[in-house]
Amino acid sequence: MIAEEPDFPQIMSDAEIDAKVPVSEIVNPKYQRQPTDKELTEAAVAMLKARFPRIHQTLLTLWGTGQGEAYLDGLIMDDRGNRQGFPPDVLRDLLVLQRVHFQTFGTFKKINPWDFGSKS
């Protein structure tokens, strides 16, 4: 003879459980509106202004120039060695700025097409 499972009292109703689930888990992220480049850029600039005012000021001065491109590259990739690096959210914002800079101004780097793939 099989024993019946006891009825456990319901702790929360289905509606209460649904109310506790974060909206991000209910709405499929692929259907959420993605921020525009302008919104991402404004957020990145505001973050730099608040958290890294010297970097913000330098980028304002160099924006749209080859030096600005090199400065962004240097912030993202450590060329001095053994640096701590930025927190992930700051790095994400720097990558947004680098992408927008490239899309707006192209690259200022001198590239010889015949050197492609060669190691120098």
PDB file of N, CA and C in Angstrom:
ATOM      1  N   MET A   1       0.831  -1.175   0.000  1.00  0.00           N
ATOM      2  CA  MET A   1       0.000   0.000   0.000  1.00  0.00           C
ATOM      3  C   MET A   1       0.885   1.251   0.000  1.00  0.00           C
ATOM      4  N   ILE A   2       0.545   2.172  -0.891  1.00  0.00           N
ATOM      5  CA  ILE A   2       1.320   3.399  -1.041  1.00  0.00           C
ATOM      6  C   ILE A   2       0.712   4.474  -0.150  1.00  0.00           C
ATOM      7  N   ALA A   3       1.575   5.103   0.623  1.00  0.00           N
ATOM      8  CA  ALA A   3       1.100   6.165   1.515  1.00  0.00           C
ATOM      9  C   ALA A   3       0.823   7.422   0.706  1.00  0.00           C
ATOM     10  N   GLU A   4      -0.216   8.116   1.067  1.00  0.00           N
ATOM     11  CA  GLU A   4      -0.546   9.372   0.396  1.00  0.00           C
ATOM     12  C   GLU A   4       0.383  10.468   0.881  1.00  0.00           C
ATOM     13  N   GLU A   5       0.750  11.339  -0.066  1.00  0.00           N
ATOM     14  CA  GLU A   5       1.580  12.469   0.308  1.00  0.00           C
ATOM     15  C   GLU A   5       0.733  13.465   1.080  1.00  0.00           C
ATOM     16  N   PRO A   6       1.290  14.018   2.127  1.00  0.00           N
ATOM     17  CA  PRO A   6       0.503  14.987   2.907  1.00  0.00           C
ATOM     18  C   PRO A   6       0.295  16.266   2.104  1.00  0.00           C
ATOM     19  N   ASP A   7      -0.796  16.936   2.338  1.00  0.00           N
ATOM     20  CA  ASP A   7      -1.040  18.233   1.714  1.00  0.00           C
ATOM     21  C   ASP A   7      -0.288  19.300   2.502  1.00  0.00           C
ATOM     22  N   PHE A   8       0.615  19.965   1.795  1.00  0.00           N
ATOM     23  CA  PHE A   8       1.351  21.039   2.437  1.00  0.00           C
ATOM     24  C   PHE A   8       0.593  22.338   2.257  1.00  0.00           C
ATOM     25  N   PRO A   9       0.607  23.174   3.265  1.00  0.00           N
ATOM     26  CA  PRO A   9      -0.094  24.451   3.118  1.00  0.00           C
ATOM     27  C   PRO A   9       0.619  25.320   2.083  1.00  0.00           C
ATOM     28  N   GLN A  10      -0.160  26.065   1.347  1.00  0.00           N
ATOM     29  CA  GLN A  10       0.416  26.961   0.338  1.00  0.00           C
ATOM     30  C   GLN A  10       0.961  28.191   1.058  1.00  0.00           C
ATOM     31  N   ILE A  11       2.244  28.437   0.866  1.00  0.00           N
ATOM     32  CA  ILE A  11       2.901  29.550   1.546  1.00  0.00           C
ATOM     33  C   ILE A  11       2.602  30.866   0.843  1.00  0.00           C
ATOM     34  N   MET A  12       2.661  30.837  -0.491  1.00  0.00           N
ATOM     35  CA  MET A  12       2.387  32.032  -1.284  1.00  0.00           C
ATOM     36  C   MET A  12       1.482  31.642  -2.443  1.00  0.00           C
ATOM     37  N   SER A  13       0.610  32.556  -2.804  1.00  0.00           N
ATOM     38  CA  SER A  13      -0.246  32.295  -3.963  1.00  0.00           C
ATOM     39  C   SER A  13       0.565  32.493  -5.241  1.00  0.00           C
ATOM     40  N   ASP A  14       0.046  31.986  -6.356  1.00  0.00           N
ATOM     41  CA  ASP A  14       0.724  32.170  -7.634  1.00  0.00           C
ATOM     42  C   ASP A  14       0.884  33.658  -7.963  1.00  0.00           C
ATOM     43  N   ALA A  15      -0.117  34.446  -7.646  1.00  0.00           N
ATOM     44  CA  ALA A  15      -0.047  35.886  -7.918  1.00  0.00           C
ATOM     45  C   ALA A  15       1.059  36.538  -7.092  1.00  0.00           C
ATOM     46  N   GLU A  16       1.225  36.107  -5.843  1.00  0.00           N
ATOM     47  CA  GLU A  16       2.281  36.657  -4.995  1.00  0.00           C
ATOM     48  C   GLU A  16       3.663  36.269  -5.532  1.00  0.00           C
ATOM     49  N   ILE A  17       3.770  35.042  -6.016  1.00  0.00           N
ATOM     50  CA  ILE A  17       5.039  34.597  -6.592  1.00  0.00           C
ATOM     51  C   ILE A  17       5.347  35.400  -7.849  1.00  0.00           C
ATOM     52  N   ASP A  18       4.354  35.557  -8.732  1.00  0.00           N
ATOM     53  CA  ASP A  18       4.547  36.336  -9.955  1.00  0.00           C
ATOM     54  C   ASP A  18       4.947  37.773  -9.649  1.00  0.00           C
ATOM     55  N   ALA A  19       4.382  38.336  -8.579  1.00  0.00           N
ATOM     56  CA  ALA A  19       4.691  39.721  -8.211  1.00  0.00           C
ATOM     57  C   ALA A  19       6.145  39.861  -7.744  1.00  0.00           C
ATOM     58  N   LYS A  20       6.732  38.797  -7.236  1.00  0.00           N
ATOM     59  CA  LYS A  20       8.115  38.834  -6.736  1.00  0.00           C
ATOM     60  C   LYS A  20       9.156  38.619  -7.840  1.00  0.00           C
ATOM     61  N   VAL A  21       8.747  38.083  -8.989  1.00  0.00           N
ATOM     62  CA  VAL A  21       9.684  37.822 -10.075  1.00  0.00           C
ATOM     63  C   VAL A  21      10.078  39.149 -10.720  1.00  0.00           C
ATOM     64  N   PRO A  22      11.382  39.419 -10.846  1.00  0.00           N
ATOM     65  CA  PRO A  22      11.816  40.676 -11.479  1.00  0.00           C
ATOM     66  C   PRO A  22      11.287  40.788 -12.905  1.00  0.00           C
ATOM     67  N   VAL A  23      10.974  42.012 -13.300  1.00  0.00           N
ATOM     68  CA  VAL A  23      10.430  42.258 -14.635  1.00  0.00           C
ATOM     69  C   VAL A  23      11.391  41.775 -15.710  1.00  0.00           C
ATOM     70  N   SER A  24      12.697  41.898 -15.468  1.00  0.00           N
ATOM     71  CA  SER A  24      13.672  41.484 -16.479  1.00  0.00           C
ATOM     72  C   SER A  24      13.579  39.994 -16.786  1.00  0.00           C
ATOM     73  N   GLU A  25      13.050  39.212 -15.845  1.00  0.00           N
ATOM     74  CA  GLU A  25      12.889  37.786 -16.088  1.00  0.00           C
ATOM     75  C   GLU A  25      11.568  37.477 -16.781  1.00  0.00           C
ATOM     76  N   ILE A  26      10.608  38.372 -16.678  1.00  0.00           N
ATOM     77  CA  ILE A  26       9.303  38.153 -17.299  1.00  0.00           C
ATOM     78  C   ILE A  26       9.345  38.564 -18.763  1.00  0.00           C
ATOM     79  N   VAL A  27       9.942  39.721 -19.039  1.00  0.00           N
ATOM     80  CA  VAL A  27      10.004  40.247 -20.397  1.00  0.00           C
ATOM     81  C   VAL A  27      11.224  39.654 -21.091  1.00  0.00           C
ATOM     82  N   ASN A  28      11.019  39.122 -22.249  1.00  0.00           N
ATOM     83  CA  ASN A  28      12.123  38.573 -23.024  1.00  0.00           C
ATOM     84  C   ASN A  28      13.047  39.728 -23.420  1.00  0.00           C
ATOM     85  N   PRO A  29      14.342  39.663 -23.033  1.00  0.00           N
ATOM     86  CA  PRO A  29      15.249  40.785 -23.311  1.00  0.00           C
ATOM     87  C   PRO A  29      15.354  41.144 -24.796  1.00  0.00           C
ATOM     88  N   LYS A  30      15.152  40.187 -25.685  1.00  0.00           N
ATOM     89  CA  LYS A  30      15.275  40.526 -27.106  1.00  0.00           C
ATOM     90  C   LYS A  30      14.154  41.443 -27.575  1.00  0.00           C
ATOM     91  N   TYR A  31      13.078  41.537 -26.789  1.00  0.00           N
ATOM     92  CA  TYR A  31      11.983  42.438 -27.136  1.00  0.00           C
ATOM     93  C   TYR A  31      12.070  43.775 -26.402  1.00  0.00           C
ATOM     94  N   GLN A  32      13.040  43.920 -25.523  1.00  0.00           N
ATOM     95  CA  GLN A  32      13.214  45.190 -24.823  1.00  0.00           C
ATOM     96  C   GLN A  32      13.915  46.184 -25.746  1.00  0.00           C
ATOM     97  N   ARG A  33      13.553  47.455 -25.606  1.00  0.00           N
ATOM     98  CA  ARG A  33      14.184  48.501 -26.408  1.00  0.00           C
ATOM     99  C   ARG A  33      15.643  48.631 -25.999  1.00  0.00           C
ATOM    100  N   GLN A  34      16.516  48.626 -26.997  1.00  0.00           N
ATOM    101  CA  GLN A  34      17.941  48.786 -26.755  1.00  0.00           C
ATOM    102  C   GLN A  34      18.279  50.277 -26.745  1.00  0.00           C
ATOM    103  N   PRO A  35      19.204  50.684 -25.870  1.00  0.00           N
ATOM    104  CA  PRO A  35      19.566  52.108 -25.844  1.00  0.00           C
ATOM    105  C   PRO A  35      20.262  52.515 -27.136  1.00  0.00           C
ATOM    106  N   THR A  36      20.091  53.759 -27.505  1.00  0.00           N
ATOM    107  CA  THR A  36      20.728  54.286 -28.713  1.00  0.00           C
ATOM    108  C   THR A  36      22.187  54.620 -28.417  1.00  0.00           C
ATOM    109  N   ASP A  37      22.971  54.803 -29.474  1.00  0.00           N
ATOM    110  CA  ASP A  37      24.364  55.211 -29.299  1.00  0.00           C
ATOM    111  C   ASP A  37      24.454  56.534 -28.551  1.00  0.00           C
ATOM    112  N   LYS A  38      23.517  57.427 -28.836  1.00  0.00           N
ATOM    113  CA  LYS A  38      23.515  58.731 -28.153  1.00  0.00           C
ATOM    114  C   LYS A  38      23.297  58.551 -26.654  1.00  0.00           C
ATOM    115  N   GLU A  39      22.340  57.694 -26.283  1.00  0.00           N
ATOM    116  CA  GLU A  39      22.079  57.438 -24.861  1.00  0.00           C
ATOM    117  C   GLU A  39      23.280  56.764 -24.194  1.00  0.00           C
ATOM    118  N   LEU A  40      23.870  55.792 -24.878  1.00  0.00           N
ATOM    119  CA  LEU A  40      25.043  55.105 -24.326  1.00  0.00           C
ATOM    120  C   LEU A  40      26.209  56.068 -24.161  1.00  0.00           C
ATOM    121  N   THR A  41      26.410  56.941 -25.147  1.00  0.00           N
ATOM    122  CA  THR A  41      27.505  57.911 -25.088  1.00  0.00           C
ATOM    123  C   THR A  41      27.281  58.907 -23.958  1.00  0.00           C
ATOM    124  N   GLU A  42      26.068  59.415 -23.838  1.00  0.00           N
ATOM    125  CA  GLU A  42      25.769  60.371 -22.765  1.00  0.00           C
ATOM    126  C   GLU A  42      25.987  59.741 -21.391  1.00  0.00           C
ATOM    127  N   ALA A  43      25.567  58.487 -21.234  1.00  0.00           N
ATOM    128  CA  ALA A  43      25.762  57.789 -19.958  1.00  0.00           C
ATOM    129  C   ALA A  43      27.250  57.578 -19.678  1.00  0.00           C
ATOM    130  N   ALA A  44      28.014  57.216 -20.711  1.00  0.00           N
ATOM    131  CA  ALA A  44      29.450  56.990 -20.539  1.00  0.00           C
ATOM    132  C   ALA A  44      30.162  58.285 -20.165  1.00  0.00           C
ATOM    133  N   VAL A  45      29.818  59.375 -20.828  1.00  0.00           N
ATOM    134  CA  VAL A  45      30.441  60.670 -20.539  1.00  0.00           C
ATOM    135  C   VAL A  45      30.090  61.118 -19.120  1.00  0.00           C
ATOM    136  N   ALA A  46      28.843  60.943 -18.717  1.00  0.00           N
ATOM    137  CA  ALA A  46      28.427  61.330 -17.361  1.00  0.00           C
ATOM    138  C   ALA A  46      29.169  60.509 -16.308  1.00  0.00           C
ATOM    139  N   MET A  47      29.340  59.209 -16.569  1.00  0.00           N
ATOM    140  CA  MET A  47      30.055  58.354 -15.632  1.00  0.00           C
ATOM    141  C   MET A  47      31.507  58.806 -15.516  1.00  0.00           C
ATOM    142  N   LEU A  48      32.159  59.068 -16.658  1.00  0.00           N
ATOM    143  CA  LEU A  48      33.556  59.512 -16.612  1.00  0.00           C
ATOM    144  C   LEU A  48      33.693  60.847 -15.890  1.00  0.00           C
ATOM    145  N   LYS A  49      32.757  61.754 -16.154  1.00  0.00           N
ATOM    146  CA  LYS A  49      32.798  63.072 -15.509  1.00  0.00           C
ATOM    147  C   LYS A  49      32.696  62.935 -13.990  1.00  0.00           C
ATOM    148  N   ALA A  50      31.841  62.017 -13.532  1.00  0.00           N
ATOM    149  CA  ALA A  50      31.640  61.838 -12.095  1.00  0.00           C
ATOM    150  C   ALA A  50      32.775  61.050 -11.434  1.00  0.00           C
ATOM    151  N   ARG A  51      33.238  59.991 -12.089  1.00  0.00           N
ATOM    152  CA  ARG A  51      34.193  59.081 -11.444  1.00  0.00           C
ATOM    153  C   ARG A  51      35.651  59.312 -11.836  1.00  0.00           C
ATOM    154  N   PHE A  52      35.874  59.807 -13.055  1.00  0.00           N
ATOM    155  CA  PHE A  52      37.235  60.007 -13.554  1.00  0.00           C
ATOM    156  C   PHE A  52      37.314  61.354 -14.270  1.00  0.00           C
ATOM    157  N   PRO A  53      37.242  62.457 -13.513  1.00  0.00           N
ATOM    158  CA  PRO A  53      37.188  63.778 -14.151  1.00  0.00           C
ATOM    159  C   PRO A  53      38.405  64.101 -15.021  1.00  0.00           C
ATOM    160  N   ARG A  54      39.586  63.616 -14.650  1.00  0.00           N
ATOM    161  CA  ARG A  54      40.779  63.906 -15.460  1.00  0.00           C
ATOM    162  C   ARG A  54      40.692  63.201 -16.816  1.00  0.00           C
ATOM    163  N   ILE A  55      40.253  61.956 -16.816  1.00  0.00           N
ATOM    164  CA  ILE A  55      40.076  61.225 -18.077  1.00  0.00           C
ATOM    165  C   ILE A  55      38.997  61.905 -18.916  1.00  0.00           C
ATOM    166  N   HIS A  56      37.914  62.318 -18.269  1.00  0.00           N
ATOM    167  CA  HIS A  56      36.824  63.010 -18.962  1.00  0.00           C
ATOM    168  C   HIS A  56      37.348  64.260 -19.654  1.00  0.00           C
ATOM    169  N   GLN A  57      38.111  65.070 -18.932  1.00  0.00           N
ATOM    170  CA  GLN A  57      38.633  66.314 -19.496  1.00  0.00           C
ATOM    171  C   GLN A  57      39.596  66.039 -20.645  1.00  0.00           C
ATOM    172  N   THR A  58      40.433  65.034 -20.501  1.00  0.00           N
ATOM    173  CA  THR A  58      41.375  64.692 -21.569  1.00  0.00           C
ATOM    174  C   THR A  58      40.628  64.240 -22.813  1.00  0.00           C
ATOM    175  N   LEU A  59      39.597  63.422 -22.640  1.00  0.00           N
ATOM    176  CA  LEU A  59      38.815  62.968 -23.795  1.00  0.00           C
ATOM    177  C   LEU A  59      38.091  64.127 -24.477  1.00  0.00           C
ATOM    178  N   LEU A  60      37.583  65.062 -23.693  1.00  0.00           N
ATOM    179  CA  LEU A  60      36.944  66.241 -24.297  1.00  0.00           C
ATOM    180  C   LEU A  60      37.933  67.005 -25.161  1.00  0.00           C
ATOM    181  N   THR A  61      39.151  67.137 -24.676  1.00  0.00           N
ATOM    182  CA  THR A  61      40.182  67.869 -25.407  1.00  0.00           C
ATOM    183  C   THR A  61      40.612  67.148 -26.677  1.00  0.00           C
ATOM    184  N   LEU A  62      40.724  65.806 -26.613  1.00  0.00           N
ATOM    185  CA  LEU A  62      41.281  65.036 -27.721  1.00  0.00           C
ATOM    186  C   LEU A  62      40.230  64.411 -28.641  1.00  0.00           C
ATOM    187  N   TRP A  63      38.940  64.552 -28.324  1.00  0.00           N
ATOM    188  CA  TRP A  63      37.881  63.888 -29.096  1.00  0.00           C
ATOM    189  C   TRP A  63      37.953  64.275 -30.577  1.00  0.00           C
ATOM    190  N   GLY A  64      37.894  63.296 -31.427  1.00  0.00           N
ATOM    191  CA  GLY A  64      37.894  63.542 -32.867  1.00  0.00           C
ATOM    192  C   GLY A  64      39.278  63.666 -33.473  1.00  0.00           C
ATOM    193  N   THR A  65      40.302  63.321 -32.706  1.00  0.00           N
ATOM    194  CA  THR A  65      41.675  63.423 -33.208  1.00  0.00           C
ATOM    195  C   THR A  65      42.359  62.055 -33.117  1.00  0.00           C
ATOM    196  N   GLY A  66      43.501  61.971 -33.780  1.00  0.00           N
ATOM    197  CA  GLY A  66      44.305  60.755 -33.685  1.00  0.00           C
ATOM    198  C   GLY A  66      44.804  60.516 -32.273  1.00  0.00           C
ATOM    199  N   GLN A  67      45.123  61.605 -31.570  1.00  0.00           N
ATOM    200  CA  GLN A  67      45.556  61.475 -30.175  1.00  0.00           C
ATOM    201  C   GLN A  67      44.423  60.940 -29.304  1.00  0.00           C
ATOM    202  N   GLY A  68      43.174  61.344 -29.626  1.00  0.00           N
ATOM    203  CA  GLY A  68      42.024  60.833 -28.885  1.00  0.00           C
ATOM    204  C   GLY A  68      41.841  59.339 -29.099  1.00  0.00           C
ATOM    205  N   GLU A  69      42.028  58.918 -30.343  1.00  0.00           N
ATOM    206  CA  GLU A  69      41.943  57.495 -30.646  1.00  0.00           C
ATOM    207  C   GLU A  69      43.019  56.715 -29.873  1.00  0.00           C
ATOM    208  N   ALA A  70      44.241  57.225 -29.891  1.00  0.00           N
ATOM    209  CA  ALA A  70      45.346  56.564 -29.190  1.00  0.00           C
ATOM    210  C   ALA A  70      45.111  56.573 -27.680  1.00  0.00           C
ATOM    211  N   TYR A  71      44.561  57.667 -27.155  1.00  0.00           N
ATOM    212  CA  TYR A  71      44.284  57.762 -25.717  1.00  0.00           C
ATOM    213  C   TYR A  71      43.253  56.719 -25.303  1.00  0.00           C
ATOM    214  N   LEU A  72      42.164  56.610 -26.059  1.00  0.00           N
ATOM    215  CA  LEU A  72      41.153  55.592 -25.759  1.00  0.00           C
ATOM    216  C   LEU A  72      41.752  54.194 -25.835  1.00  0.00           C
ATOM    217  N   ASP A  73      42.535  53.941 -26.879  1.00  0.00           N
ATOM    218  CA  ASP A  73      43.183  52.634 -27.013  1.00  0.00           C
ATOM    219  C   ASP A  73      44.058  52.340 -25.801  1.00  0.00           C
ATOM    220  N   GLY A  74      44.806  53.340 -25.339  1.00  0.00           N
ATOM    221  CA  GLY A  74      45.681  53.172 -24.185  1.00  0.00           C
ATOM    222  C   GLY A  74      44.930  52.947 -22.885  1.00  0.00           C
ATOM    223  N   LEU A  75      43.736  53.528 -22.771  1.00  0.00           N
ATOM    224  CA  LEU A  75      42.928  53.285 -21.574  1.00  0.00           C
ATOM    225  C   LEU A  75      42.390  51.858 -21.553  1.00  0.00           C
ATOM    226  N   ILE A  76      42.043  51.358 -22.728  1.00  0.00           N
ATOM    227  CA  ILE A  76      41.422  50.034 -22.813  1.00  0.00           C
ATOM    228  C   ILE A  76      42.469  48.923 -22.734  1.00  0.00           C
ATOM    229  N   MET A  77      43.574  49.100 -23.445  1.00  0.00           N
ATOM    230  CA  MET A  77      44.649  48.101 -23.441  1.00  0.00           C
ATOM    231  C   MET A  77      45.847  48.669 -22.690  1.00  0.00           C
ATOM    232  N   ASP A  78      46.275  47.974 -21.671  1.00  0.00           N
ATOM    233  CA  ASP A  78      47.396  48.428 -20.857  1.00  0.00           C
ATOM    234  C   ASP A  78      48.695  48.312 -21.644  1.00  0.00           C
ATOM    235  N   ASP A  79      49.297  49.457 -21.954  1.00  0.00           N
ATOM    236  CA  ASP A  79      50.569  49.426 -22.667  1.00  0.00           C
ATOM    237  C   ASP A  79      51.737  49.785 -21.745  1.00  0.00           C
ATOM    238  N   ARG A  80      51.437  50.070 -20.478  1.00  0.00           N
ATOM    239  CA  ARG A  80      52.495  50.399 -19.525  1.00  0.00           C
ATOM    240  C   ARG A  80      52.893  49.178 -18.683  1.00  0.00           C
ATOM    241  N   GLY A  81      52.023  48.183 -18.645  1.00  0.00           N
ATOM    242  CA  GLY A  81      52.339  46.956 -17.924  1.00  0.00           C
ATOM    243  C   GLY A  81      51.927  46.979 -16.464  1.00  0.00           C
ATOM    244  N   ASN A  82      51.344  45.869 -16.054  1.00  0.00           N
ATOM    245  CA  ASN A  82      51.046  45.616 -14.643  1.00  0.00           C
ATOM    246  C   ASN A  82      50.114  46.648 -14.007  1.00  0.00           C
ATOM    247  N   ARG A  83      49.104  47.111 -14.760  1.00  0.00           N
ATOM    248  CA  ARG A  83      48.129  48.061 -14.225  1.00  0.00           C
ATOM    249  C   ARG A  83      46.890  47.300 -13.766  1.00  0.00           C
ATOM    250  N   GLN A  84      46.176  47.863 -12.821  1.00  0.00           N
ATOM    251  CA  GLN A  84      45.005  47.211 -12.249  1.00  0.00           C
ATOM    252  C   GLN A  84      43.847  47.125 -13.237  1.00  0.00           C
ATOM    253  N   GLY A  85      43.642  48.151 -14.019  1.00  0.00           N
ATOM    254  CA  GLY A  85      42.526  48.167 -14.956  1.00  0.00           C
ATOM    255  C   GLY A  85      41.291  48.806 -14.346  1.00  0.00           C
ATOM    256  N   PHE A  86      40.269  48.961 -15.171  1.00  0.00           N
ATOM    257  CA  PHE A  86      39.031  49.604 -14.750  1.00  0.00           C
ATOM    258  C   PHE A  86      38.008  48.562 -14.336  1.00  0.00           C
ATOM    259  N   PRO A  87      37.037  48.972 -13.507  1.00  0.00           N
ATOM    260  CA  PRO A  87      35.916  48.072 -13.209  1.00  0.00           C
ATOM    261  C   PRO A  87      35.151  47.756 -14.502  1.00  0.00           C
ATOM    262  N   PRO A  88      34.450  46.634 -14.545  1.00  0.00           N
ATOM    263  CA  PRO A  88      33.759  46.218 -15.778  1.00  0.00           C
ATOM    264  C   PRO A  88      32.807  47.262 -16.350  1.00  0.00           C
ATOM    265  N   ASP A  89      32.061  47.971 -15.503  1.00  0.00           N
ATOM    266  CA  ASP A  89      31.114  48.961 -16.031  1.00  0.00           C
ATOM    267  C   ASP A  89      31.844  50.139 -16.680  1.00  0.00           C
ATOM    268  N   VAL A  90      32.987  50.515 -16.138  1.00  0.00           N
ATOM    269  CA  VAL A  90      33.774  51.609 -16.715  1.00  0.00           C
ATOM    270  C   VAL A  90      34.387  51.160 -18.034  1.00  0.00           C
ATOM    271  N   LEU A  91      34.900  49.934 -18.070  1.00  0.00           N
ATOM    272  CA  LEU A  91      35.470  49.406 -19.310  1.00  0.00           C
ATOM    273  C   LEU A  91      34.412  49.350 -20.403  1.00  0.00           C
ATOM    274  N   ARG A  92      33.198  48.916 -20.050  1.00  0.00           N
ATOM    275  CA  ARG A  92      32.100  48.875 -21.030  1.00  0.00           C
ATOM    276  C   ARG A  92      31.845  50.266 -21.600  1.00  0.00           C
ATOM    277  N   ASP A  93      31.828  51.283 -20.753  1.00  0.00           N
ATOM    278  CA  ASP A  93      31.594  52.653 -21.220  1.00  0.00           C
ATOM    279  C   ASP A  93      32.741  53.150 -22.092  1.00  0.00           C
ATOM    280  N   LEU A  94      33.977  52.792 -21.742  1.00  0.00           N
ATOM    281  CA  LEU A  94      35.112  53.183 -22.572  1.00  0.00           C
ATOM    282  C   LEU A  94      35.040  52.509 -23.940  1.00  0.00           C
ATOM    283  N   LEU A  95      34.604  51.255 -23.972  1.00  0.00           N
ATOM    284  CA  LEU A  95      34.455  50.557 -25.252  1.00  0.00           C
ATOM    285  C   LEU A  95      33.366  51.197 -26.102  1.00  0.00           C
ATOM    286  N   VAL A  96      32.296  51.666 -25.461  1.00  0.00           N
ATOM    287  CA  VAL A  96      31.238  52.380 -26.194  1.00  0.00           C
ATOM    288  C   VAL A  96      31.821  53.641 -26.815  1.00  0.00           C
ATOM    289  N   LEU A  97      32.579  54.397 -26.032  1.00  0.00           N
ATOM    290  CA  LEU A  97      33.174  55.634 -26.552  1.00  0.00           C
ATOM    291  C   LEU A  97      34.155  55.344 -27.678  1.00  0.00           C
ATOM    292  N   GLN A  98      34.928  54.278 -27.538  1.00  0.00           N
ATOM    293  CA  GLN A  98      35.869  53.910 -28.596  1.00  0.00           C
ATOM    294  C   GLN A  98      35.125  53.562 -29.884  1.00  0.00           C
ATOM    295  N   ARG A  99      34.045  52.802 -29.765  1.00  0.00           N
ATOM    296  CA  ARG A  99      33.261  52.414 -30.950  1.00  0.00           C
ATOM    297  C   ARG A  99      32.626  53.634 -31.608  1.00  0.00           C
ATOM    298  N   VAL A 100      32.035  54.520 -30.811  1.00  0.00           N
ATOM    299  CA  VAL A 100      31.402  55.725 -31.359  1.00  0.00           C
ATOM    300  C   VAL A 100      32.451  56.625 -32.005  1.00  0.00           C
ATOM    301  N   HIS A 101      33.609  56.740 -31.391  1.00  0.00           N
ATOM    302  CA  HIS A 101      34.691  57.546 -31.971  1.00  0.00           C
ATOM    303  C   HIS A 101      35.095  56.985 -33.324  1.00  0.00           C
ATOM    304  N   PHE A 102      35.258  55.664 -33.406  1.00  0.00           N
ATOM    305  CA  PHE A 102      35.645  55.039 -34.667  1.00  0.00           C
ATOM    306  C   PHE A 102      34.560  55.202 -35.727  1.00  0.00           C
ATOM    307  N   GLN A 103      33.285  55.004 -35.338  1.00  0.00           N
ATOM    308  CA  GLN A 103      32.188  55.135 -36.303  1.00  0.00           C
ATOM    309  C   GLN A 103      32.047  56.566 -36.799  1.00  0.00           C
ATOM    310  N   THR A 104      32.373  57.524 -35.956  1.00  0.00           N
ATOM    311  CA  THR A 104      32.234  58.934 -36.318  1.00  0.00           C
ATOM    312  C   THR A 104      33.415  59.444 -37.138  1.00  0.00           C
ATOM    313  N   PHE A 105      34.621  59.078 -36.739  1.00  0.00           N
ATOM    314  CA  PHE A 105      35.815  59.666 -37.344  1.00  0.00           C
ATOM    315  C   PHE A 105      36.678  58.676 -38.127  1.00  0.00           C
ATOM    316  N   GLY A 106      36.372  57.409 -38.053  1.00  0.00           N
ATOM    317  CA  GLY A 106      37.237  56.413 -38.685  1.00  0.00           C
ATOM    318  C   GLY A 106      38.489  56.227 -37.852  1.00  0.00           C
ATOM    319  N   THR A 107      39.529  55.730 -38.475  1.00  0.00           N
ATOM    320  CA  THR A 107      40.790  55.563 -37.754  1.00  0.00           C
ATOM    321  C   THR A 107      41.817  56.553 -38.277  1.00  0.00           C
ATOM    322  N   PHE A 108      42.671  56.975 -37.389  1.00  0.00           N
ATOM    323  CA  PHE A 108      43.744  57.902 -37.744  1.00  0.00           C
ATOM    324  C   PHE A 108      45.063  57.163 -37.893  1.00  0.00           C
ATOM    325  N   LYS A 109      45.046  55.867 -37.632  1.00  0.00           N
ATOM    326  CA  LYS A 109      46.269  55.078 -37.698  1.00  0.00           C
ATOM    327  C   LYS A 109      46.696  54.911 -39.145  1.00  0.00           C
ATOM    328  N   LYS A 110      47.972  55.035 -39.359  1.00  0.00           N
ATOM    329  CA  LYS A 110      48.534  54.816 -40.688  1.00  0.00           C
ATOM    330  C   LYS A 110      48.722  53.310 -40.865  1.00  0.00           C
ATOM    331  N   ILE A 111      48.013  52.757 -41.827  1.00  0.00           N
ATOM    332  CA  ILE A 111      48.089  51.322 -42.074  1.00  0.00           C
ATOM    333  C   ILE A 111      48.567  51.095 -43.498  1.00  0.00           C
ATOM    334  N   ASN A 112      49.632  50.341 -43.632  1.00  0.00           N
ATOM    335  CA  ASN A 112      50.134  49.971 -44.942  1.00  0.00           C
ATOM    336  C   ASN A 112      49.502  48.628 -45.303  1.00  0.00           C
ATOM    337  N   PRO A 113      48.687  48.550 -46.343  1.00  0.00           N
ATOM    338  CA  PRO A 113      48.003  47.297 -46.653  1.00  0.00           C
ATOM    339  C   PRO A 113      48.967  46.156 -46.966  1.00  0.00           C
ATOM    340  N   TRP A 114      50.193  46.486 -47.351  1.00  0.00           N
ATOM    341  CA  TRP A 114      51.160  45.433 -47.676  1.00  0.00           C
ATOM    342  C   TRP A 114      51.763  44.836 -46.426  1.00  0.00           C
ATOM    343  N   ASP A 115      51.568  45.503 -45.272  1.00  0.00           N
ATOM    344  CA  ASP A 115      52.096  44.980 -44.012  1.00  0.00           C
ATOM    345  C   ASP A 115      51.120  44.068 -43.298  1.00  0.00           C
ATOM    346  N   PHE A 116      49.961  43.860 -43.872  1.00  0.00           N
ATOM    347  CA  PHE A 116      48.930  43.065 -43.201  1.00  0.00           C
ATOM    348  C   PHE A 116      49.465  41.670 -42.922  1.00  0.00           C
ATOM    349  N   GLY A 117      49.357  41.251 -41.692  1.00  0.00           N
ATOM    350  CA  GLY A 117      49.753  39.896 -41.311  1.00  0.00           C
ATOM    351  C   GLY A 117      51.229  39.748 -41.031  1.00  0.00           C
ATOM    352  N   SER A 118      52.038  40.744 -41.344  1.00  0.00           N
ATOM    353  CA  SER A 118      53.477  40.619 -41.066  1.00  0.00           C
ATOM    354  C   SER A 118      53.726  40.973 -39.617  1.00  0.00           C
ATOM    355  N   LYS A 119      54.720  40.370 -39.064  1.00  0.00           N
ATOM    356  CA  LYS A 119      55.076  40.635 -37.673  1.00  0.00           C
ATOM    357  C   LYS A 119      56.288  41.529 -37.671  1.00  0.00           C
ATOM    358  N   SER A 120      56.092  42.714 -37.081  1.00  0.00           N
ATOM    359  CA  SER A 120      57.229  43.632 -37.027  1.00  0.00           C
ATOM    360  C   SER A 120      57.525  44.010 -35.599  1.00  0.00           C
TER     361      SER A 120
END
